[in-house]
């Protein structure tokens, strides 16, 4: 079992990299009271076994410049696995979840415009052999994203030390991006801790230029680094999806209050009657009713109208995952979203 090969120091290291994904081995070692070489060796083992990885995603400065669609897909008998595999290989597809319920798959895609989403659904998804039907909703507002979710393995003092390292300079407004920035995005998506020497070599630029460009892309919030962990070793091995209905005048306040719940990994507004979606990580499936009770107690305006359990996350932000949540492959992102800036 994956959880049998990690210890508390491994989890603290993952937590530290969630706070500051590109901290040096020396900085991480100082915060964790470990020798830098030991830190590097532990991280290499976690990466090699697919239990943790650092990646790069489009940052909040881009979220208003592209469209995210949440698509429920019904498959014919015996066709779900093939459909999931085909969609997982697609660059616009960020997530593929096998879920309980009549639809079977919940897929998240990111494209430039609603028209592009329409073309993709009609010409790619609906034409896949085995797809019976699909239901599409667009994200309206993102209230909390998965990159904000943390393990709770660090002491508060350790976390404060690491947070001080993560401070970024003020962004320079109006910066344009080009194909080199897109290539840096692709490389950091592959490995968010890729050394600047390697980034420079693979992007065909100098090391100082690589440093300067990456610093600008992160500071301007065009890109965001995040450290991911195989869910089976996280302590929260169960994923559930909750769809809720909230009166529009209360949506902002209710959603913001729910992001404070520790189990909530993602919270976003959607079009349609089910206008709020929550992705949650739980310690046990039996915790789902407890969480639903906590949600309704926190906001009386929230009515949960549907829920599903994730049986297997097949793809997560470009990473292909096995049944334990280990990274077993990587699909390059659609870097064109970076051109939206």
C-alpha atoms as a PDB file:
ATOM      1  CA  UNK A   1       0.000   0.000   0.000  1.00  0.00           C
ATOM      2  CA  UNK A   2       1.240   3.483  -0.862  1.00  0.00           C
ATOM      3  CA  UNK A   3       0.657   4.817   2.647  1.00  0.00           C
ATOM      4  CA  UNK A   4       3.030   2.214   4.056  1.00  0.00           C
ATOM      5  CA  UNK A   5       6.109   3.711   2.367  1.00  0.00           C
ATOM      6  CA  UNK A   6       5.793   7.292   3.626  1.00  0.00           C
ATOM      7  CA  UNK A   7       6.379   8.693   7.085  1.00  0.00           C
ATOM      8  CA  UNK A   8       5.589  11.945   8.868  1.00  0.00           C
ATOM      9  CA  UNK A   9       8.710  13.642   7.522  1.00  0.00           C
ATOM     10  CA  UNK A  10       7.663  12.815   3.977  1.00  0.00           C
ATOM     11  CA  UNK A  11       4.267  14.365   4.613  1.00  0.00           C
ATOM     12  CA  UNK A  12       5.892  17.432   6.189  1.00  0.00           C
ATOM     13  CA  UNK A  13       8.072  17.808   3.100  1.00  0.00           C
ATOM     14  CA  UNK A  14       5.041  17.628   0.809  1.00  0.00           C
ATOM     15  CA  UNK A  15       3.265  20.172   2.994  1.00  0.00           C
ATOM     16  CA  UNK A  16       6.337  22.438   2.846  1.00  0.00           C
ATOM     17  CA  UNK A  17       6.359  22.278  -0.949  1.00  0.00           C
ATOM     18  CA  UNK A  18       2.655  23.076  -1.009  1.00  0.00           C
ATOM     19  CA  UNK A  19       3.576  26.313   0.749  1.00  0.00           C
ATOM     20  CA  UNK A  20       6.687  27.131  -1.313  1.00  0.00           C
ATOM     21  CA  UNK A  21       7.034  24.829  -4.322  1.00  0.00           C
ATOM     22  CA  UNK A  22      10.483  25.993  -5.505  1.00  0.00           C
ATOM     23  CA  UNK A  23      12.232  26.421  -2.155  1.00  0.00           C
ATOM     24  CA  UNK A  24      15.835  25.228  -2.188  1.00  0.00           C
ATOM     25  CA  UNK A  25      16.886  22.023  -0.462  1.00  0.00           C
ATOM     26  CA  UNK A  26      18.765  24.141   2.075  1.00  0.00           C
ATOM     27  CA  UNK A  27      15.675  26.242   2.857  1.00  0.00           C
ATOM     28  CA  UNK A  28      13.482  23.174   3.155  1.00  0.00           C
ATOM     29  CA  UNK A  29      16.064  21.420   5.289  1.00  0.00           C
ATOM     30  CA  UNK A  30      16.300  24.384   7.649  1.00  0.00           C
ATOM     31  CA  UNK A  31      12.514  24.549   8.060  1.00  0.00           C
ATOM     32  CA  UNK A  32      12.157  20.790   8.551  1.00  0.00           C
ATOM     33  CA  UNK A  33      15.333  20.283  10.605  1.00  0.00           C
ATOM     34  CA  UNK A  34      16.749  17.884   8.028  1.00  0.00           C
ATOM     35  CA  UNK A  35      19.982  17.737   6.090  1.00  0.00           C
ATOM     36  CA  UNK A  36      19.463  19.234   2.578  1.00  0.00           C
ATOM     37  CA  UNK A  37      20.729  16.049   0.948  1.00  0.00           C
ATOM     38  CA  UNK A  38      18.209  14.034   2.954  1.00  0.00           C
ATOM     39  CA  UNK A  39      15.434  16.365   1.801  1.00  0.00           C
ATOM     40  CA  UNK A  40      16.507  15.984  -1.840  1.00  0.00           C
ATOM     41  CA  UNK A  41      16.681  12.207  -1.517  1.00  0.00           C
ATOM     42  CA  UNK A  42      13.229  11.981   0.075  1.00  0.00           C
ATOM     43  CA  UNK A  43      11.688  14.183  -2.621  1.00  0.00           C
ATOM     44  CA  UNK A  44      13.302  12.133  -5.385  1.00  0.00           C
ATOM     45  CA  UNK A  45      11.781   8.976  -3.893  1.00  0.00           C
ATOM     46  CA  UNK A  46       8.334  10.561  -3.648  1.00  0.00           C
ATOM     47  CA  UNK A  47       8.520  11.737  -7.270  1.00  0.00           C
ATOM     48  CA  UNK A  48       9.916   8.463  -8.588  1.00  0.00           C
ATOM     49  CA  UNK A  49       7.066   6.520  -6.985  1.00  0.00           C
ATOM     50  CA  UNK A  50       4.454   9.004  -8.231  1.00  0.00           C
ATOM     51  CA  UNK A  51       3.352   9.872  -4.704  1.00  0.00           C
ATOM     52  CA  UNK A  52       3.979  13.610  -5.020  1.00  0.00           C
ATOM     53  CA  UNK A  53       4.914  16.099  -7.702  1.00  0.00           C
ATOM     54  CA  UNK A  54       5.148  19.836  -8.347  1.00  0.00           C
ATOM     55  CA  UNK A  55       3.356  21.149 -11.406  1.00  0.00           C
ATOM     56  CA  UNK A  56       2.298  24.471 -12.910  1.00  0.00           C
ATOM     57  CA  UNK A  57      -1.202  25.660 -13.758  1.00  0.00           C
ATOM     58  CA  UNK A  58      -2.779  28.775 -15.219  1.00  0.00           C
ATOM     59  CA  UNK A  59      -2.926  31.411 -12.499  1.00  0.00           C
ATOM     60  CA  UNK A  60      -5.826  33.545 -11.269  1.00  0.00           C
ATOM     61  CA  UNK A  61      -4.903  36.435 -13.578  1.00  0.00           C
ATOM     62  CA  UNK A  62      -6.018  34.231 -16.489  1.00  0.00           C
ATOM     63  CA  UNK A  63      -9.210  32.833 -15.022  1.00  0.00           C
ATOM     64  CA  UNK A  64     -11.411  35.555 -16.499  1.00  0.00           C
ATOM     65  CA  UNK A  65      -9.796  35.123 -19.922  1.00  0.00           C
ATOM     66  CA  UNK A  66     -10.764  31.531 -20.613  1.00  0.00           C
ATOM     67  CA  UNK A  67     -13.785  29.318 -20.041  1.00  0.00           C
ATOM     68  CA  UNK A  68     -13.988  26.263 -17.833  1.00  0.00           C
ATOM     69  CA  UNK A  69     -16.771  23.779 -18.420  1.00  0.00           C
ATOM     70  CA  UNK A  70     -17.906  20.976 -16.103  1.00  0.00           C
ATOM     71  CA  UNK A  71     -19.293  18.159 -18.222  1.00  0.00           C
ATOM     72  CA  UNK A  72     -21.154  15.079 -16.989  1.00  0.00           C
ATOM     73  CA  UNK A  73     -20.981  12.223 -19.472  1.00  0.00           C
ATOM     74  CA  UNK A  74     -23.146   9.120 -19.735  1.00  0.00           C
ATOM     75  CA  UNK A  75     -21.417   6.156 -21.388  1.00  0.00           C
ATOM     76  CA  UNK A  76     -22.782   2.959 -22.865  1.00  0.00           C
ATOM     77  CA  UNK A  77     -22.203  -0.394 -21.117  1.00  0.00           C
ATOM     78  CA  UNK A  78     -18.542  -1.333 -21.071  1.00  0.00           C
ATOM     79  CA  UNK A  79     -17.419   1.906 -22.734  1.00  0.00           C
ATOM     80  CA  UNK A  80     -16.603   4.135 -19.762  1.00  0.00           C
ATOM     81  CA  UNK A  81     -12.951   3.109 -19.492  1.00  0.00           C
ATOM     82  CA  UNK A  82     -12.277   3.752 -23.185  1.00  0.00           C
ATOM     83  CA  UNK A  83     -14.022   7.126 -23.082  1.00  0.00           C
ATOM     84  CA  UNK A  84     -12.100   8.145 -19.955  1.00  0.00           C
ATOM     85  CA  UNK A  85      -8.797   7.117 -21.551  1.00  0.00           C
ATOM     86  CA  UNK A  86      -9.543   9.004 -24.767  1.00  0.00           C
ATOM     87  CA  UNK A  87     -10.474  12.201 -22.927  1.00  0.00           C
ATOM     88  CA  UNK A  88      -7.493  11.922 -20.589  1.00  0.00           C
ATOM     89  CA  UNK A  89      -5.184  12.178 -23.607  1.00  0.00           C
ATOM     90  CA  UNK A  90      -6.777  15.473 -24.679  1.00  0.00           C
ATOM     91  CA  UNK A  91      -4.892  18.684 -23.834  1.00  0.00           C
ATOM     92  CA  UNK A  92      -7.963  20.863 -23.096  1.00  0.00           C
ATOM     93  CA  UNK A  93      -9.161  18.283 -20.542  1.00  0.00           C
ATOM     94  CA  UNK A  94      -7.959  19.139 -17.047  1.00  0.00           C
ATOM     95  CA  UNK A  95      -9.814  16.556 -14.961  1.00  0.00           C
ATOM     96  CA  UNK A  96     -11.467  13.219 -15.616  1.00  0.00           C
ATOM     97  CA  UNK A  97     -13.356  11.745 -12.654  1.00  0.00           C
ATOM     98  CA  UNK A  98     -15.168   8.392 -12.633  1.00  0.00           C
ATOM     99  CA  UNK A  99     -18.124   9.116 -10.356  1.00  0.00           C
ATOM    100  CA  UNK A 100     -21.155   7.370  -8.947  1.00  0.00           C
ATOM    101  CA  UNK A 101     -24.555   8.168 -10.395  1.00  0.00           C
ATOM    102  CA  UNK A 102     -26.177   8.016 -13.837  1.00  0.00           C
ATOM    103  CA  UNK A 103     -23.546   9.970 -15.764  1.00  0.00           C
ATOM    104  CA  UNK A 104     -20.436   8.040 -14.745  1.00  0.00           C
ATOM    105  CA  UNK A 105     -17.855  10.652 -15.761  1.00  0.00           C
ATOM    106  CA  UNK A 106     -17.286  14.240 -14.651  1.00  0.00           C
ATOM    107  CA  UNK A 107     -14.865  16.011 -16.980  1.00  0.00           C
ATOM    108  CA  UNK A 108     -13.455  19.545 -16.695  1.00  0.00           C
ATOM    109  CA  UNK A 109     -12.165  21.355 -19.767  1.00  0.00           C
ATOM    110  CA  UNK A 110     -10.558  24.779 -20.321  1.00  0.00           C
ATOM    111  CA  UNK A 111     -10.861  26.650 -23.624  1.00  0.00           C
ATOM    112  CA  UNK A 112     -10.757  30.256 -24.775  1.00  0.00           C
ATOM    113  CA  UNK A 113     -14.447  30.956 -25.468  1.00  0.00           C
ATOM    114  CA  UNK A 114     -17.937  29.487 -24.984  1.00  0.00           C
ATOM    115  CA  UNK A 115     -18.035  28.873 -28.734  1.00  0.00           C
ATOM    116  CA  UNK A 116     -14.843  26.803 -28.459  1.00  0.00           C
ATOM    117  CA  UNK A 117     -16.458  24.786 -25.667  1.00  0.00           C
ATOM    118  CA  UNK A 118     -19.476  24.183 -27.896  1.00  0.00           C
ATOM    119  CA  UNK A 119     -17.306  22.959 -30.767  1.00  0.00           C
ATOM    120  CA  UNK A 120     -15.298  20.712 -28.446  1.00  0.00           C
ATOM    121  CA  UNK A 121     -18.388  19.139 -26.882  1.00  0.00           C
ATOM    122  CA  UNK A 122     -20.138  18.556 -30.218  1.00  0.00           C
ATOM    123  CA  UNK A 123     -17.148  17.498 -32.297  1.00  0.00           C
ATOM    124  CA  UNK A 124     -14.965  15.688 -29.762  1.00  0.00           C
ATOM    125  CA  UNK A 125     -16.898  14.516 -26.716  1.00  0.00           C
ATOM    126  CA  UNK A 126     -20.272  13.698 -28.244  1.00  0.00           C
ATOM    127  CA  UNK A 127     -18.625  11.878 -31.159  1.00  0.00           C
ATOM    128  CA  UNK A 128     -16.543   9.547 -29.024  1.00  0.00           C
ATOM    129  CA  UNK A 129     -17.658   5.921 -29.434  1.00  0.00           C
ATOM    130  CA  UNK A 130     -19.555   4.941 -26.323  1.00  0.00           C
ATOM    131  CA  UNK A 131     -20.779   8.415 -25.314  1.00  0.00           C
ATOM    132  CA  UNK A 132     -24.549   8.383 -24.924  1.00  0.00           C
ATOM    133  CA  UNK A 133     -25.193  11.891 -23.640  1.00  0.00           C
ATOM    134  CA  UNK A 134     -23.551  14.841 -21.909  1.00  0.00           C
ATOM    135  CA  UNK A 135     -24.602  17.713 -19.710  1.00  0.00           C
ATOM    136  CA  UNK A 136     -22.541  20.926 -19.683  1.00  0.00           C
ATOM    137  CA  UNK A 137     -22.333  23.748 -17.158  1.00  0.00           C
ATOM    138  CA  UNK A 138     -19.917  26.677 -17.272  1.00  0.00           C
ATOM    139  CA  UNK A 139     -17.956  27.931 -14.293  1.00  0.00           C
ATOM    140  CA  UNK A 140     -19.000  31.473 -13.391  1.00  0.00           C
ATOM    141  CA  UNK A 141     -16.792  32.282 -10.397  1.00  0.00           C
ATOM    142  CA  UNK A 142     -13.969  30.417  -8.691  1.00  0.00           C
ATOM    143  CA  UNK A 143     -14.101  30.853  -4.926  1.00  0.00           C
ATOM    144  CA  UNK A 144     -11.425  28.350  -3.892  1.00  0.00           C
ATOM    145  CA  UNK A 145      -9.128  26.186  -5.989  1.00  0.00           C
ATOM    146  CA  UNK A 146      -7.351  22.940  -5.248  1.00  0.00           C
ATOM    147  CA  UNK A 147      -3.898  24.556  -5.120  1.00  0.00           C
ATOM    148  CA  UNK A 148      -4.975  26.209  -1.845  1.00  0.00           C
ATOM    149  CA  UNK A 149      -5.649  22.853  -0.153  1.00  0.00           C
ATOM    150  CA  UNK A 150      -2.939  21.770   2.283  1.00  0.00           C
ATOM    151  CA  UNK A 151      -1.831  18.796   4.306  1.00  0.00           C
ATOM    152  CA  UNK A 152      -1.616  19.711   7.986  1.00  0.00           C
ATOM    153  CA  UNK A 153       1.754  18.183   8.789  1.00  0.00           C
ATOM    154  CA  UNK A 154       3.793  21.317   9.541  1.00  0.00           C
ATOM    155  CA  UNK A 155       4.163  23.075  12.848  1.00  0.00           C
ATOM    156  CA  UNK A 156       2.902  26.653  12.726  1.00  0.00           C
ATOM    157  CA  UNK A 157       6.428  27.989  13.192  1.00  0.00           C
ATOM    158  CA  UNK A 158       7.645  25.913  10.220  1.00  0.00           C
ATOM    159  CA  UNK A 159       4.799  27.171   8.093  1.00  0.00           C
ATOM    160  CA  UNK A 160       5.580  30.800   8.928  1.00  0.00           C
ATOM    161  CA  UNK A 161       9.220  30.330   7.942  1.00  0.00           C
ATOM    162  CA  UNK A 162       8.236  28.836   4.607  1.00  0.00           C
ATOM    163  CA  UNK A 163       5.544  31.433   3.913  1.00  0.00           C
ATOM    164  CA  UNK A 164       8.157  34.163   4.288  1.00  0.00           C
ATOM    165  CA  UNK A 165      10.141  32.535   1.458  1.00  0.00           C
ATOM    166  CA  UNK A 166       7.147  32.474  -0.883  1.00  0.00           C
ATOM    167  CA  UNK A 167       6.577  36.251  -0.966  1.00  0.00           C
ATOM    168  CA  UNK A 168       6.624  37.475  -4.568  1.00  0.00           C
ATOM    169  CA  UNK A 169       7.452  41.006  -5.752  1.00  0.00           C
ATOM    170  CA  UNK A 170       4.719  43.221  -7.104  1.00  0.00           C
ATOM    171  CA  UNK A 171       3.779  42.331 -10.647  1.00  0.00           C
ATOM    172  CA  UNK A 172       4.537  44.621 -13.555  1.00  0.00           C
ATOM    173  CA  UNK A 173       1.222  45.308 -15.271  1.00  0.00           C
ATOM    174  CA  UNK A 174       0.624  45.001 -18.965  1.00  0.00           C
ATOM    175  CA  UNK A 175       3.285  42.357 -19.593  1.00  0.00           C
ATOM    176  CA  UNK A 176       2.789  40.380 -22.787  1.00  0.00           C
ATOM    177  CA  UNK A 177       3.484  36.702 -23.191  1.00  0.00           C
ATOM    178  CA  UNK A 178       5.035  34.938 -26.159  1.00  0.00           C
ATOM    179  CA  UNK A 179       5.917  31.436 -27.332  1.00  0.00           C
ATOM    180  CA  UNK A 180       8.884  31.297 -24.947  1.00  0.00           C
ATOM    181  CA  UNK A 181       6.584  31.951 -21.985  1.00  0.00           C
ATOM    182  CA  UNK A 182       4.281  29.226 -23.279  1.00  0.00           C
ATOM    183  CA  UNK A 183       7.223  26.818 -23.486  1.00  0.00           C
ATOM    184  CA  UNK A 184       8.219  27.666 -19.904  1.00  0.00           C
ATOM    185  CA  UNK A 185       4.640  26.936 -18.860  1.00  0.00           C
ATOM    186  CA  UNK A 186       4.801  23.528 -20.570  1.00  0.00           C
ATOM    187  CA  UNK A 187       8.146  22.682 -18.924  1.00  0.00           C
ATOM    188  CA  UNK A 188       7.037  23.792 -15.453  1.00  0.00           C
ATOM    189  CA  UNK A 189       3.831  21.808 -15.889  1.00  0.00           C
ATOM    190  CA  UNK A 190       6.036  18.767 -16.492  1.00  0.00           C
ATOM    191  CA  UNK A 191       8.149  19.533 -13.398  1.00  0.00           C
ATOM    192  CA  UNK A 192       7.520  22.652 -11.359  1.00  0.00           C
ATOM    193  CA  UNK A 193      10.903  22.247  -9.662  1.00  0.00           C
ATOM    194  CA  UNK A 194      12.863  21.892 -12.903  1.00  0.00           C
ATOM    195  CA  UNK A 195      16.217  23.659 -12.314  1.00  0.00           C
ATOM    196  CA  UNK A 196      16.694  26.965 -14.135  1.00  0.00           C
ATOM    197  CA  UNK A 197      19.697  25.528 -15.967  1.00  0.00           C
ATOM    198  CA  UNK A 198      17.508  22.779 -17.425  1.00  0.00           C
ATOM    199  CA  UNK A 199      14.613  25.156 -18.120  1.00  0.00           C
ATOM    200  CA  UNK A 200      16.967  27.470 -20.002  1.00  0.00           C
ATOM    201  CA  UNK A 201      18.508  24.667 -22.014  1.00  0.00           C
ATOM    202  CA  UNK A 202      15.193  23.106 -23.017  1.00  0.00           C
ATOM    203  CA  UNK A 203      13.569  26.469 -23.807  1.00  0.00           C
ATOM    204  CA  UNK A 204      16.598  27.643 -25.806  1.00  0.00           C
ATOM    205  CA  UNK A 205      17.253  30.739 -23.690  1.00  0.00           C
ATOM    206  CA  UNK A 206      19.864  31.862 -21.181  1.00  0.00           C
ATOM    207  CA  UNK A 207      19.567  30.971 -17.496  1.00  0.00           C
ATOM    208  CA  UNK A 208      19.136  34.639 -16.398  1.00  0.00           C
ATOM    209  CA  UNK A 209      16.358  35.024 -18.961  1.00  0.00           C
ATOM    210  CA  UNK A 210      14.652  31.865 -17.690  1.00  0.00           C
ATOM    211  CA  UNK A 211      14.836  33.144 -14.108  1.00  0.00           C
ATOM    212  CA  UNK A 212      13.496  36.557 -15.052  1.00  0.00           C
ATOM    213  CA  UNK A 213      10.638  35.219 -17.150  1.00  0.00           C
ATOM    214  CA  UNK A 214       9.518  32.624 -14.619  1.00  0.00           C
ATOM    215  CA  UNK A 215       9.660  35.231 -11.858  1.00  0.00           C
ATOM    216  CA  UNK A 216       7.478  37.568 -13.946  1.00  0.00           C
ATOM    217  CA  UNK A 217       4.946  34.880 -14.865  1.00  0.00           C
ATOM    218  CA  UNK A 218       4.533  33.886 -11.213  1.00  0.00           C
ATOM    219  CA  UNK A 219       4.528  37.430  -9.826  1.00  0.00           C
ATOM    220  CA  UNK A 220       1.889  38.554 -12.324  1.00  0.00           C
ATOM    221  CA  UNK A 221      -0.217  35.497 -11.352  1.00  0.00           C
ATOM    222  CA  UNK A 222      -0.338  34.283 -14.940  1.00  0.00           C
ATOM    223  CA  UNK A 223       1.024  30.980 -13.682  1.00  0.00           C
ATOM    224  CA  UNK A 224       0.845  29.250 -10.329  1.00  0.00           C
ATOM    225  CA  UNK A 225       2.970  26.395  -9.009  1.00  0.00           C
ATOM    226  CA  UNK A 226       1.353  23.692  -6.914  1.00  0.00           C
ATOM    227  CA  UNK A 227       2.525  20.582  -5.138  1.00  0.00           C
ATOM    228  CA  UNK A 228       0.206  17.608  -5.488  1.00  0.00           C
ATOM    229  CA  UNK A 229       0.021  14.444  -3.409  1.00  0.00           C
ATOM    230  CA  UNK A 230      -1.384  11.000  -4.121  1.00  0.00           C
ATOM    231  CA  UNK A 231      -4.709  11.017  -2.313  1.00  0.00           C
ATOM    232  CA  UNK A 232      -4.129   7.564  -0.817  1.00  0.00           C
ATOM    233  CA  UNK A 233      -1.319   8.911   1.404  1.00  0.00           C
ATOM    234  CA  UNK A 234      -2.916  12.258   2.214  1.00  0.00           C
ATOM    235  CA  UNK A 235      -5.081  11.112   5.114  1.00  0.00           C
ATOM    236  CA  UNK A 236      -8.190  12.158   3.129  1.00  0.00           C
ATOM    237  CA  UNK A 237      -8.593   9.234   0.691  1.00  0.00           C
ATOM    238  CA  UNK A 238     -12.214   9.844  -0.341  1.00  0.00           C
ATOM    239  CA  UNK A 239     -13.376  12.456  -2.859  1.00  0.00           C
ATOM    240  CA  UNK A 240     -16.972  13.596  -3.106  1.00  0.00           C
ATOM    241  CA  UNK A 241     -18.726  16.126  -5.313  1.00  0.00           C
ATOM    242  CA  UNK A 242     -21.645  18.184  -4.049  1.00  0.00           C
ATOM    243  CA  UNK A 243     -23.897  20.290  -6.237  1.00  0.00           C
ATOM    244  CA  UNK A 244     -25.923  22.925  -4.416  1.00  0.00           C
ATOM    245  CA  UNK A 245     -28.556  25.516  -5.185  1.00  0.00           C
ATOM    246  CA  UNK A 246     -28.155  28.978  -3.681  1.00  0.00           C
ATOM    247  CA  UNK A 247     -30.277  32.086  -4.304  1.00  0.00           C
ATOM    248  CA  UNK A 248     -28.124  34.353  -6.510  1.00  0.00           C
ATOM    249  CA  UNK A 249     -28.162  37.215  -4.022  1.00  0.00           C
ATOM    250  CA  UNK A 250     -26.607  34.919  -1.393  1.00  0.00           C
ATOM    251  CA  UNK A 251     -24.197  32.991  -3.597  1.00  0.00           C
ATOM    252  CA  UNK A 252     -21.061  35.064  -2.985  1.00  0.00           C
ATOM    253  CA  UNK A 253     -21.436  35.175   0.795  1.00  0.00           C
ATOM    254  CA  UNK A 254     -22.386  31.511   1.097  1.00  0.00           C
ATOM    255  CA  UNK A 255     -19.582  30.301  -1.150  1.00  0.00           C
ATOM    256  CA  UNK A 256     -16.940  32.351   0.646  1.00  0.00           C
ATOM    257  CA  UNK A 257     -18.059  30.960   3.991  1.00  0.00           C
ATOM    258  CA  UNK A 258     -17.837  27.376   2.734  1.00  0.00           C
ATOM    259  CA  UNK A 259     -14.248  27.758   1.544  1.00  0.00           C
ATOM    260  CA  UNK A 260     -13.244  27.965   5.218  1.00  0.00           C
ATOM    261  CA  UNK A 261     -14.280  24.337   5.764  1.00  0.00           C
ATOM    262  CA  UNK A 262     -11.120  22.229   5.905  1.00  0.00           C
ATOM    263  CA  UNK A 263     -12.497  19.402   3.772  1.00  0.00           C
ATOM    264  CA  UNK A 264     -13.398  21.702   0.862  1.00  0.00           C
ATOM    265  CA  UNK A 265     -10.793  21.465  -1.894  1.00  0.00           C
ATOM    266  CA  UNK A 266     -12.639  23.312  -4.652  1.00  0.00           C
ATOM    267  CA  UNK A 267     -15.587  25.688  -4.625  1.00  0.00           C
ATOM    268  CA  UNK A 268     -16.961  27.393  -7.716  1.00  0.00           C
ATOM    269  CA  UNK A 269     -20.133  28.875  -9.118  1.00  0.00           C
ATOM    270  CA  UNK A 270     -21.841  27.241 -12.093  1.00  0.00           C
ATOM    271  CA  UNK A 271     -24.519  28.135 -14.586  1.00  0.00           C
ATOM    272  CA  UNK A 272     -27.808  26.308 -14.212  1.00  0.00           C
ATOM    273  CA  UNK A 273     -30.012  25.556 -11.246  1.00  0.00           C
ATOM    274  CA  UNK A 274     -27.192  23.737  -9.446  1.00  0.00           C
ATOM    275  CA  UNK A 275     -25.177  26.927  -9.240  1.00  0.00           C
ATOM    276  CA  UNK A 276     -22.542  25.920  -6.678  1.00  0.00           C
ATOM    277  CA  UNK A 277     -20.113  23.006  -6.916  1.00  0.00           C
ATOM    278  CA  UNK A 278     -17.938  21.676  -4.108  1.00  0.00           C
ATOM    279  CA  UNK A 279     -15.158  19.107  -4.433  1.00  0.00           C
ATOM    280  CA  UNK A 280     -14.225  17.726  -1.019  1.00  0.00           C
ATOM    281  CA  UNK A 281     -11.612  15.333   0.332  1.00  0.00           C
ATOM    282  CA  UNK A 282     -12.832  13.232   3.260  1.00  0.00           C
ATOM    283  CA  UNK A 283     -11.247  10.806   5.722  1.00  0.00           C
ATOM    284  CA  UNK A 284     -14.115   8.330   5.273  1.00  0.00           C
ATOM    285  CA  UNK A 285     -17.211   8.098   3.118  1.00  0.00           C
ATOM    286  CA  UNK A 286     -19.215   8.246   6.331  1.00  0.00           C
ATOM    287  CA  UNK A 287     -18.003  11.818   6.811  1.00  0.00           C
ATOM    288  CA  UNK A 288     -20.067  13.025   3.843  1.00  0.00           C
ATOM    289  CA  UNK A 289     -23.362  13.408   5.782  1.00  0.00           C
ATOM    290  CA  UNK A 290     -21.443  15.203   8.538  1.00  0.00           C
ATOM    291  CA  UNK A 291     -19.965  17.596   6.016  1.00  0.00           C
ATOM    292  CA  UNK A 292     -23.329  18.238   4.403  1.00  0.00           C
ATOM    293  CA  UNK A 293     -24.726  19.071   7.838  1.00  0.00           C
ATOM    294  CA  UNK A 294     -21.817  21.466   8.448  1.00  0.00           C
ATOM    295  CA  UNK A 295     -22.484  23.141   5.099  1.00  0.00           C
ATOM    296  CA  UNK A 296     -26.152  23.768   5.817  1.00  0.00           C
ATOM    297  CA  UNK A 297     -25.368  24.912   9.373  1.00  0.00           C
ATOM    298  CA  UNK A 298     -22.811  27.400   8.055  1.00  0.00           C
ATOM    299  CA  UNK A 299     -25.221  28.806   5.477  1.00  0.00           C
ATOM    300  CA  UNK A 300     -28.956  28.250   5.605  1.00  0.00           C
ATOM    301  CA  UNK A 301     -29.189  29.519   2.026  1.00  0.00           C
ATOM    302  CA  UNK A 302     -27.354  26.475   0.646  1.00  0.00           C
ATOM    303  CA  UNK A 303     -29.433  23.486  -0.438  1.00  0.00           C
ATOM    304  CA  UNK A 304     -27.445  20.456  -1.568  1.00  0.00           C
ATOM    305  CA  UNK A 305     -29.406  18.992  -4.458  1.00  0.00           C
ATOM    306  CA  UNK A 306     -27.070  16.258  -5.679  1.00  0.00           C
ATOM    307  CA  UNK A 307     -23.894  14.491  -4.679  1.00  0.00           C
ATOM    308  CA  UNK A 308     -21.554  11.833  -6.032  1.00  0.00           C
ATOM    309  CA  UNK A 309     -18.521   9.908  -4.860  1.00  0.00           C
ATOM    310  CA  UNK A 310     -15.422   9.879  -7.024  1.00  0.00           C
ATOM    311  CA  UNK A 311     -14.458   6.268  -7.616  1.00  0.00           C
ATOM    312  CA  UNK A 312     -11.253   7.082  -9.500  1.00  0.00           C
ATOM    313  CA  UNK A 313      -9.683  10.347 -10.599  1.00  0.00           C
ATOM    314  CA  UNK A 314      -8.190   9.339 -13.936  1.00  0.00           C
ATOM    315  CA  UNK A 315      -6.651  12.718 -14.766  1.00  0.00           C
ATOM    316  CA  UNK A 316      -5.847  15.651 -12.514  1.00  0.00           C
ATOM    317  CA  UNK A 317      -4.457  18.860 -13.968  1.00  0.00           C
ATOM    318  CA  UNK A 318      -2.639  17.021 -16.719  1.00  0.00           C
ATOM    319  CA  UNK A 319      -1.431  14.088 -14.615  1.00  0.00           C
ATOM    320  CA  UNK A 320      -2.655  10.598 -15.311  1.00  0.00           C
ATOM    321  CA  UNK A 321      -3.339   8.789 -12.039  1.00  0.00           C
ATOM    322  CA  UNK A 322      -3.660   5.171 -11.016  1.00  0.00           C
ATOM    323  CA  UNK A 323      -6.260   3.852  -8.578  1.00  0.00           C
ATOM    324  CA  UNK A 324      -4.201   5.025  -5.574  1.00  0.00           C
ATOM    325  CA  UNK A 325      -3.746   8.517  -6.987  1.00  0.00           C
ATOM    326  CA  UNK A 326      -0.117   7.999  -8.030  1.00  0.00           C
ATOM    327  CA  UNK A 327       1.126   9.962 -11.021  1.00  0.00           C
ATOM    328  CA  UNK A 328       1.753   7.518 -13.875  1.00  0.00           C
ATOM    329  CA  UNK A 329       1.939   9.929 -16.808  1.00  0.00           C
ATOM    330  CA  UNK A 330       1.754  13.538 -17.907  1.00  0.00           C
ATOM    331  CA  UNK A 331      -0.222  15.212 -20.691  1.00  0.00           C
ATOM    332  CA  UNK A 332       1.066  18.623 -21.791  1.00  0.00           C
ATOM    333  CA  UNK A 333      -1.381  21.489 -21.088  1.00  0.00           C
ATOM    334  CA  UNK A 334      -3.089  23.573 -23.725  1.00  0.00           C
ATOM    335  CA  UNK A 335      -0.576  26.424 -23.427  1.00  0.00           C
ATOM    336  CA  UNK A 336      -2.754  28.566 -25.696  1.00  0.00           C
ATOM    337  CA  UNK A 337      -4.719  29.726 -22.638  1.00  0.00           C
ATOM    338  CA  UNK A 338      -1.612  31.701 -21.661  1.00  0.00           C
ATOM    339  CA  UNK A 339      -2.022  33.748 -24.835  1.00  0.00           C
ATOM    340  CA  UNK A 340      -5.313  35.012 -23.393  1.00  0.00           C
ATOM    341  CA  UNK A 341      -3.351  37.603 -21.427  1.00  0.00           C
END
